[in-house]
């Protein structure tokens, strides 16, 4: 896959993510992830997992308010492990954990970034690389 193809695919995923976030909150690991998603254009609700509670307690609190969330943890080994724990905890409370964006971003980044907070920088680098090859 070329960098131009990679960028086009990531931008499509981001456009879908931005649209989905208008109705469903995104759930991320920390504050820097929130800032990164805001840079990328998400304007809807973004929930932070790390609030001093256990995963189960946090998911139970989310279940009192939401029926579905967009799950966006990091793509490193810790994030993947956390992703599975959160997904199971949300499902046990009746909340649908949409992880399609997480899987697509992971696939289209091709190892270029392993964290949500680094995603804006990675996309900027891709855009710069693609624009420099078009001239």
N, C-alpha and C. Protein backbone atom coordinates (compact mmCIF):
# COMPACT_ATOMS: atom_id res chain seq x y z
N UNK A 1 0.85 -1.18 0.00
CA UNK A 1 0.00 0.00 0.00
C UNK A 1 0.90 1.24 0.00
N UNK A 2 0.57 2.20 -0.84
CA UNK A 2 1.35 3.43 -0.89
C UNK A 2 0.96 4.33 0.28
N UNK A 3 1.79 5.33 0.53
CA UNK A 3 1.46 6.29 1.61
C UNK A 3 0.18 7.05 1.26
N UNK A 4 -0.01 7.34 -0.03
CA UNK A 4 -1.23 8.04 -0.46
C UNK A 4 -2.47 7.17 -0.17
N UNK A 5 -2.36 5.88 -0.45
CA UNK A 5 -3.47 4.96 -0.17
C UNK A 5 -3.72 4.89 1.34
N UNK A 6 -2.64 4.78 2.08
CA UNK A 6 -2.73 4.70 3.55
C UNK A 6 -3.42 5.95 4.10
N UNK A 7 -3.02 7.12 3.61
CA UNK A 7 -3.62 8.37 4.06
C UNK A 7 -5.10 8.43 3.70
N UNK A 8 -5.43 8.04 2.47
CA UNK A 8 -6.83 8.08 2.03
C UNK A 8 -7.70 7.17 2.91
N UNK A 9 -7.20 5.99 3.21
CA UNK A 9 -7.96 5.07 4.06
C UNK A 9 -8.12 5.61 5.47
N UNK A 10 -7.05 6.16 6.03
CA UNK A 10 -7.14 6.73 7.38
C UNK A 10 -8.09 7.92 7.42
N UNK A 11 -8.06 8.75 6.40
CA UNK A 11 -8.96 9.91 6.38
C UNK A 11 -10.43 9.48 6.27
N UNK A 12 -10.70 8.40 5.55
CA UNK A 12 -12.07 7.87 5.49
C UNK A 12 -12.52 7.37 6.86
N UNK A 13 -11.63 6.66 7.53
CA UNK A 13 -11.95 6.17 8.87
C UNK A 13 -12.20 7.34 9.81
N UNK A 14 -11.36 8.36 9.74
CA UNK A 14 -11.53 9.54 10.60
C UNK A 14 -12.85 10.25 10.32
N UNK A 15 -13.22 10.37 9.06
CA UNK A 15 -14.49 11.01 8.71
C UNK A 15 -15.66 10.23 9.31
N UNK A 16 -15.61 8.91 9.22
CA UNK A 16 -16.66 8.07 9.82
C UNK A 16 -16.66 8.19 11.34
N UNK A 17 -15.45 8.25 11.93
CA UNK A 17 -15.32 8.38 13.38
C UNK A 17 -15.90 9.70 13.87
N UNK A 18 -15.59 10.78 13.17
CA UNK A 18 -16.12 12.10 13.53
C UNK A 18 -17.64 12.08 13.47
N UNK A 19 -18.19 11.49 12.44
CA UNK A 19 -19.65 11.41 12.30
C UNK A 19 -20.26 10.55 13.41
N UNK A 20 -19.67 9.41 13.70
CA UNK A 20 -20.20 8.52 14.74
C UNK A 20 -20.13 9.16 16.11
N UNK A 21 -19.10 9.97 16.34
CA UNK A 21 -18.91 10.61 17.64
C UNK A 21 -19.96 11.69 17.91
N UNK A 22 -20.69 12.08 16.90
CA UNK A 22 -21.78 13.03 17.12
C UNK A 22 -22.90 12.41 17.97
N UNK A 23 -23.06 11.09 17.87
CA UNK A 23 -24.10 10.44 18.65
C UNK A 23 -23.56 9.51 19.74
N UNK A 24 -22.39 8.94 19.52
CA UNK A 24 -21.82 8.01 20.49
C UNK A 24 -20.52 8.56 21.06
N UNK A 25 -20.35 8.46 22.39
CA UNK A 25 -19.10 8.94 22.97
C UNK A 25 -17.94 8.00 22.64
N UNK A 26 -16.76 8.57 22.56
CA UNK A 26 -15.54 7.78 22.42
C UNK A 26 -14.99 7.55 23.83
N UNK A 27 -14.44 6.38 24.07
CA UNK A 27 -13.83 6.06 25.35
C UNK A 27 -12.34 5.84 25.13
N UNK A 28 -11.53 6.68 25.79
CA UNK A 28 -10.07 6.63 25.62
C UNK A 28 -9.40 6.43 26.98
N UNK A 29 -8.08 6.21 26.94
CA UNK A 29 -7.34 5.92 28.16
C UNK A 29 -7.07 7.16 29.02
N UNK A 30 -6.72 8.29 28.40
CA UNK A 30 -6.33 9.45 29.20
C UNK A 30 -6.58 10.79 28.52
N UNK A 31 -6.22 11.86 29.23
CA UNK A 31 -6.47 13.23 28.76
C UNK A 31 -5.75 13.57 27.47
N UNK A 32 -4.53 13.05 27.30
CA UNK A 32 -3.79 13.35 26.06
C UNK A 32 -4.47 12.72 24.85
N UNK A 33 -5.15 11.60 25.06
CA UNK A 33 -5.91 10.99 23.98
C UNK A 33 -7.09 11.88 23.60
N UNK A 34 -7.73 12.48 24.59
CA UNK A 34 -8.83 13.41 24.33
C UNK A 34 -8.32 14.56 23.47
N UNK A 35 -7.20 15.15 23.86
CA UNK A 35 -6.62 16.27 23.12
C UNK A 35 -6.31 15.87 21.68
N UNK A 36 -5.78 14.66 21.49
CA UNK A 36 -5.44 14.19 20.13
C UNK A 36 -6.70 14.05 19.28
N UNK A 37 -7.76 13.51 19.86
CA UNK A 37 -8.99 13.34 19.09
C UNK A 37 -9.63 14.69 18.76
N UNK A 38 -9.49 15.64 19.65
CA UNK A 38 -10.00 16.99 19.36
C UNK A 38 -9.23 17.60 18.18
N UNK A 39 -7.92 17.41 18.16
CA UNK A 39 -7.10 17.90 17.05
C UNK A 39 -7.57 17.27 15.73
N UNK A 40 -7.95 16.02 15.79
CA UNK A 40 -8.40 15.31 14.59
C UNK A 40 -9.82 15.69 14.17
N UNK A 41 -10.51 16.45 15.00
CA UNK A 41 -11.82 16.95 14.60
C UNK A 41 -13.01 16.38 15.32
N UNK A 42 -12.82 15.51 16.31
CA UNK A 42 -13.96 15.00 17.05
C UNK A 42 -14.52 16.10 17.94
N UNK A 43 -15.83 16.30 17.84
CA UNK A 43 -16.48 17.35 18.61
C UNK A 43 -17.47 16.81 19.63
N UNK A 44 -17.77 15.52 19.55
CA UNK A 44 -18.72 14.91 20.47
C UNK A 44 -18.10 14.58 21.81
N UNK A 45 -18.83 13.84 22.60
CA UNK A 45 -18.39 13.47 23.94
C UNK A 45 -17.23 12.48 23.87
N UNK A 46 -16.23 12.73 24.69
CA UNK A 46 -15.11 11.80 24.82
C UNK A 46 -14.94 11.48 26.30
N UNK A 47 -15.05 10.21 26.63
CA UNK A 47 -14.94 9.76 28.01
C UNK A 47 -13.52 9.27 28.27
N UNK A 48 -13.04 9.51 29.48
CA UNK A 48 -11.70 9.06 29.87
C UNK A 48 -11.84 7.89 30.83
N UNK A 49 -11.13 6.82 30.54
CA UNK A 49 -11.19 5.62 31.38
C UNK A 49 -10.54 5.87 32.73
N UNK A 50 -9.34 6.42 32.72
CA UNK A 50 -8.54 6.55 33.92
C UNK A 50 -9.06 7.69 34.80
N UNK A 51 -9.97 7.36 35.71
CA UNK A 51 -10.53 8.36 36.63
C UNK A 51 -10.46 7.87 38.06
N UNK A 52 -9.50 7.01 38.35
CA UNK A 52 -9.32 6.55 39.72
C UNK A 52 -10.26 5.44 40.13
N UNK A 53 -10.98 4.85 39.18
CA UNK A 53 -11.89 3.76 39.48
C UNK A 53 -11.42 2.52 38.72
N UNK A 54 -11.91 1.39 39.16
CA UNK A 54 -11.59 0.15 38.44
C UNK A 54 -12.30 0.16 37.10
N UNK A 55 -11.85 -0.71 36.21
CA UNK A 55 -12.49 -0.80 34.89
C UNK A 55 -13.96 -1.16 35.04
N UNK A 56 -14.26 -2.09 35.91
CA UNK A 56 -15.65 -2.52 36.10
C UNK A 56 -16.50 -1.36 36.62
N UNK A 57 -16.00 -0.63 37.63
CA UNK A 57 -16.75 0.51 38.17
C UNK A 57 -16.97 1.58 37.10
N UNK A 58 -15.95 1.87 36.33
CA UNK A 58 -16.07 2.89 35.28
C UNK A 58 -17.08 2.46 34.23
N UNK A 59 -17.03 1.20 33.84
CA UNK A 59 -17.96 0.69 32.83
C UNK A 59 -19.40 0.67 33.35
N UNK A 60 -19.57 0.37 34.63
CA UNK A 60 -20.90 0.41 35.23
C UNK A 60 -21.45 1.85 35.21
N UNK A 61 -20.58 2.81 35.48
CA UNK A 61 -21.00 4.21 35.42
C UNK A 61 -21.38 4.63 34.01
N UNK A 62 -20.62 4.19 33.05
CA UNK A 62 -20.92 4.49 31.65
C UNK A 62 -22.26 3.87 31.26
N UNK A 63 -22.52 2.65 31.73
CA UNK A 63 -23.76 1.94 31.38
C UNK A 63 -25.00 2.65 31.89
N UNK A 64 -24.86 3.43 32.94
CA UNK A 64 -26.01 4.18 33.47
C UNK A 64 -26.42 5.30 32.53
N UNK A 65 -25.53 5.70 31.63
CA UNK A 65 -25.78 6.86 30.76
C UNK A 65 -25.84 6.48 29.28
N UNK A 66 -25.01 5.53 28.86
CA UNK A 66 -24.86 5.23 27.44
C UNK A 66 -25.18 3.78 27.11
N UNK A 67 -25.69 3.57 25.90
CA UNK A 67 -25.96 2.22 25.41
C UNK A 67 -24.86 1.73 24.47
N UNK A 68 -24.07 2.67 23.93
CA UNK A 68 -22.99 2.34 23.01
C UNK A 68 -21.86 3.34 23.15
N UNK A 69 -20.63 2.87 23.06
CA UNK A 69 -19.45 3.75 23.06
C UNK A 69 -18.49 3.29 21.97
N UNK A 70 -17.68 4.23 21.52
CA UNK A 70 -16.61 3.94 20.56
C UNK A 70 -15.35 3.70 21.38
N UNK A 71 -14.82 2.51 21.32
CA UNK A 71 -13.68 2.13 22.15
C UNK A 71 -12.37 2.41 21.40
N UNK A 72 -11.55 3.32 21.94
CA UNK A 72 -10.29 3.71 21.30
C UNK A 72 -9.14 3.69 22.29
N UNK A 73 -8.61 2.52 22.54
CA UNK A 73 -7.40 2.41 23.35
C UNK A 73 -6.19 2.45 22.43
N UNK A 74 -5.01 2.45 23.02
CA UNK A 74 -3.78 2.40 22.22
C UNK A 74 -3.66 1.04 21.53
N UNK A 75 -2.70 0.96 20.59
CA UNK A 75 -2.50 -0.26 19.82
C UNK A 75 -1.25 -1.01 20.26
N UNK A 76 -0.63 -0.61 21.36
CA UNK A 76 0.52 -1.36 21.88
C UNK A 76 -0.02 -2.54 22.69
N UNK A 77 0.87 -3.37 23.22
CA UNK A 77 0.41 -4.57 23.92
C UNK A 77 -0.46 -4.24 25.12
N UNK A 78 -0.10 -3.16 25.85
CA UNK A 78 -0.89 -2.76 27.02
C UNK A 78 -2.28 -2.29 26.60
N UNK A 79 -2.31 -1.50 25.52
CA UNK A 79 -3.59 -1.00 25.02
C UNK A 79 -4.48 -2.10 24.50
N UNK A 80 -3.88 -3.09 23.85
CA UNK A 80 -4.67 -4.22 23.34
C UNK A 80 -5.25 -5.05 24.49
N UNK A 81 -4.45 -5.24 25.52
CA UNK A 81 -4.93 -5.97 26.70
C UNK A 81 -6.05 -5.19 27.39
N UNK A 82 -5.86 -3.89 27.53
CA UNK A 82 -6.86 -3.03 28.14
C UNK A 82 -8.13 -3.00 27.30
N UNK A 83 -7.97 -2.95 26.00
CA UNK A 83 -9.10 -2.94 25.07
C UNK A 83 -10.02 -4.14 25.32
N UNK A 84 -9.42 -5.30 25.44
CA UNK A 84 -10.20 -6.52 25.64
C UNK A 84 -10.91 -6.50 27.00
N UNK A 85 -10.22 -6.05 28.04
CA UNK A 85 -10.83 -5.98 29.37
C UNK A 85 -12.01 -5.01 29.38
N UNK A 86 -11.83 -3.85 28.76
CA UNK A 86 -12.90 -2.85 28.72
C UNK A 86 -14.08 -3.37 27.90
N UNK A 87 -13.78 -3.96 26.76
CA UNK A 87 -14.84 -4.47 25.89
C UNK A 87 -15.70 -5.50 26.63
N UNK A 88 -15.04 -6.41 27.34
CA UNK A 88 -15.79 -7.43 28.10
C UNK A 88 -16.60 -6.79 29.24
N UNK A 89 -15.98 -5.83 29.93
CA UNK A 89 -16.69 -5.17 31.04
C UNK A 89 -17.89 -4.38 30.54
N UNK A 90 -17.74 -3.69 29.41
CA UNK A 90 -18.87 -2.96 28.85
C UNK A 90 -19.98 -3.91 28.42
N UNK A 91 -19.62 -4.98 27.76
CA UNK A 91 -20.61 -5.96 27.31
C UNK A 91 -21.37 -6.56 28.49
N UNK A 92 -20.67 -6.79 29.59
CA UNK A 92 -21.33 -7.37 30.76
C UNK A 92 -22.35 -6.41 31.38
N UNK A 93 -22.20 -5.12 31.09
CA UNK A 93 -23.17 -4.14 31.59
C UNK A 93 -24.22 -3.79 30.55
N UNK A 94 -24.15 -4.43 29.39
CA UNK A 94 -25.14 -4.18 28.34
C UNK A 94 -24.78 -3.06 27.38
N UNK A 95 -23.56 -2.55 27.48
CA UNK A 95 -23.13 -1.47 26.58
C UNK A 95 -22.42 -2.09 25.38
N UNK A 96 -22.79 -1.64 24.18
CA UNK A 96 -22.12 -2.10 22.96
C UNK A 96 -20.82 -1.31 22.81
N UNK A 97 -19.72 -2.02 22.71
CA UNK A 97 -18.41 -1.40 22.51
C UNK A 97 -18.07 -1.49 21.03
N UNK A 98 -18.17 -0.37 20.33
CA UNK A 98 -17.85 -0.34 18.91
C UNK A 98 -16.33 -0.21 18.78
N UNK A 99 -15.69 -1.28 18.35
CA UNK A 99 -14.24 -1.21 18.19
C UNK A 99 -13.83 -1.28 16.72
N UNK A 100 -14.77 -1.02 15.82
CA UNK A 100 -14.45 -1.06 14.39
C UNK A 100 -13.45 0.03 14.01
N UNK A 101 -13.57 1.20 14.60
CA UNK A 101 -12.64 2.29 14.30
C UNK A 101 -11.24 1.95 14.82
N UNK A 102 -11.20 1.37 16.00
CA UNK A 102 -9.92 0.96 16.60
C UNK A 102 -9.21 -0.03 15.69
N UNK A 103 -9.95 -1.03 15.20
CA UNK A 103 -9.36 -2.04 14.33
C UNK A 103 -8.90 -1.43 13.00
N UNK A 104 -9.73 -0.56 12.42
CA UNK A 104 -9.38 0.05 11.13
C UNK A 104 -8.15 0.96 11.26
N UNK A 105 -8.12 1.78 12.28
CA UNK A 105 -6.97 2.67 12.47
C UNK A 105 -5.71 1.84 12.68
N UNK A 106 -5.80 0.82 13.49
CA UNK A 106 -4.66 -0.06 13.73
C UNK A 106 -4.16 -0.65 12.42
N UNK A 107 -5.08 -1.13 11.61
CA UNK A 107 -4.70 -1.77 10.34
C UNK A 107 -4.09 -0.76 9.37
N UNK A 108 -4.68 0.43 9.25
CA UNK A 108 -4.23 1.40 8.26
C UNK A 108 -3.00 2.19 8.69
N UNK A 109 -2.70 2.21 9.98
CA UNK A 109 -1.46 2.87 10.42
C UNK A 109 -0.25 2.01 10.12
N UNK A 110 -0.46 0.73 10.00
CA UNK A 110 0.63 -0.17 9.63
C UNK A 110 1.83 -0.09 10.57
N UNK A 111 1.58 0.09 11.85
CA UNK A 111 2.67 0.17 12.81
C UNK A 111 3.30 1.55 12.90
N UNK A 112 2.79 2.51 12.13
CA UNK A 112 3.34 3.86 12.13
C UNK A 112 3.14 4.60 13.44
N UNK A 113 2.10 4.23 14.16
CA UNK A 113 1.87 4.77 15.49
C UNK A 113 1.20 3.70 16.34
N UNK A 114 1.50 3.71 17.61
CA UNK A 114 0.94 2.71 18.52
C UNK A 114 0.03 3.34 19.58
N UNK A 115 -0.12 4.69 19.54
CA UNK A 115 -0.93 5.36 20.56
C UNK A 115 -1.90 6.35 19.94
N UNK A 116 -3.01 6.55 20.61
CA UNK A 116 -4.01 7.52 20.16
C UNK A 116 -3.41 8.92 20.19
N UNK A 117 -2.64 9.23 21.22
CA UNK A 117 -2.10 10.59 21.35
C UNK A 117 -1.12 10.95 20.24
N UNK A 118 -0.49 9.95 19.62
CA UNK A 118 0.44 10.20 18.52
C UNK A 118 -0.22 10.20 17.14
N UNK A 119 -1.50 9.89 17.09
CA UNK A 119 -2.20 9.79 15.80
C UNK A 119 -2.19 11.10 15.00
N UNK A 120 -2.45 12.27 15.59
CA UNK A 120 -2.42 13.50 14.79
C UNK A 120 -1.05 13.74 14.14
N UNK A 121 0.01 13.50 14.87
CA UNK A 121 1.36 13.69 14.33
C UNK A 121 1.64 12.72 13.20
N UNK A 122 1.20 11.48 13.35
CA UNK A 122 1.39 10.48 12.31
C UNK A 122 0.65 10.87 11.03
N UNK A 123 -0.57 11.33 11.18
CA UNK A 123 -1.35 11.73 10.01
C UNK A 123 -0.74 12.96 9.34
N UNK A 124 -0.23 13.90 10.14
CA UNK A 124 0.45 15.06 9.59
C UNK A 124 1.68 14.63 8.79
N UNK A 125 2.45 13.70 9.34
CA UNK A 125 3.63 13.19 8.62
C UNK A 125 3.22 12.54 7.30
N UNK A 126 2.14 11.77 7.33
CA UNK A 126 1.66 11.13 6.10
C UNK A 126 1.25 12.19 5.07
N UNK A 127 0.50 13.19 5.53
CA UNK A 127 0.06 14.26 4.62
C UNK A 127 1.26 14.97 4.00
N UNK A 128 2.26 15.27 4.83
CA UNK A 128 3.47 15.93 4.33
C UNK A 128 4.18 15.05 3.32
N UNK A 129 4.31 13.78 3.60
CA UNK A 129 5.00 12.86 2.69
C UNK A 129 4.25 12.74 1.37
N UNK A 130 2.94 12.66 1.43
CA UNK A 130 2.13 12.54 0.22
C UNK A 130 2.18 13.82 -0.60
N UNK A 131 2.08 14.97 0.07
CA UNK A 131 2.10 16.24 -0.67
C UNK A 131 3.46 16.51 -1.29
N UNK A 132 4.53 16.04 -0.67
CA UNK A 132 5.87 16.28 -1.22
C UNK A 132 6.15 15.39 -2.43
N UNK A 133 5.41 14.29 -2.54
CA UNK A 133 5.62 13.41 -3.69
C UNK A 133 4.74 13.77 -4.88
N UNK A 134 3.79 14.66 -4.65
CA UNK A 134 2.88 15.02 -5.74
C UNK A 134 3.43 16.17 -6.59
N UNK A 135 4.52 16.75 -6.18
CA UNK A 135 5.10 17.86 -6.96
C UNK A 135 6.27 17.42 -7.78
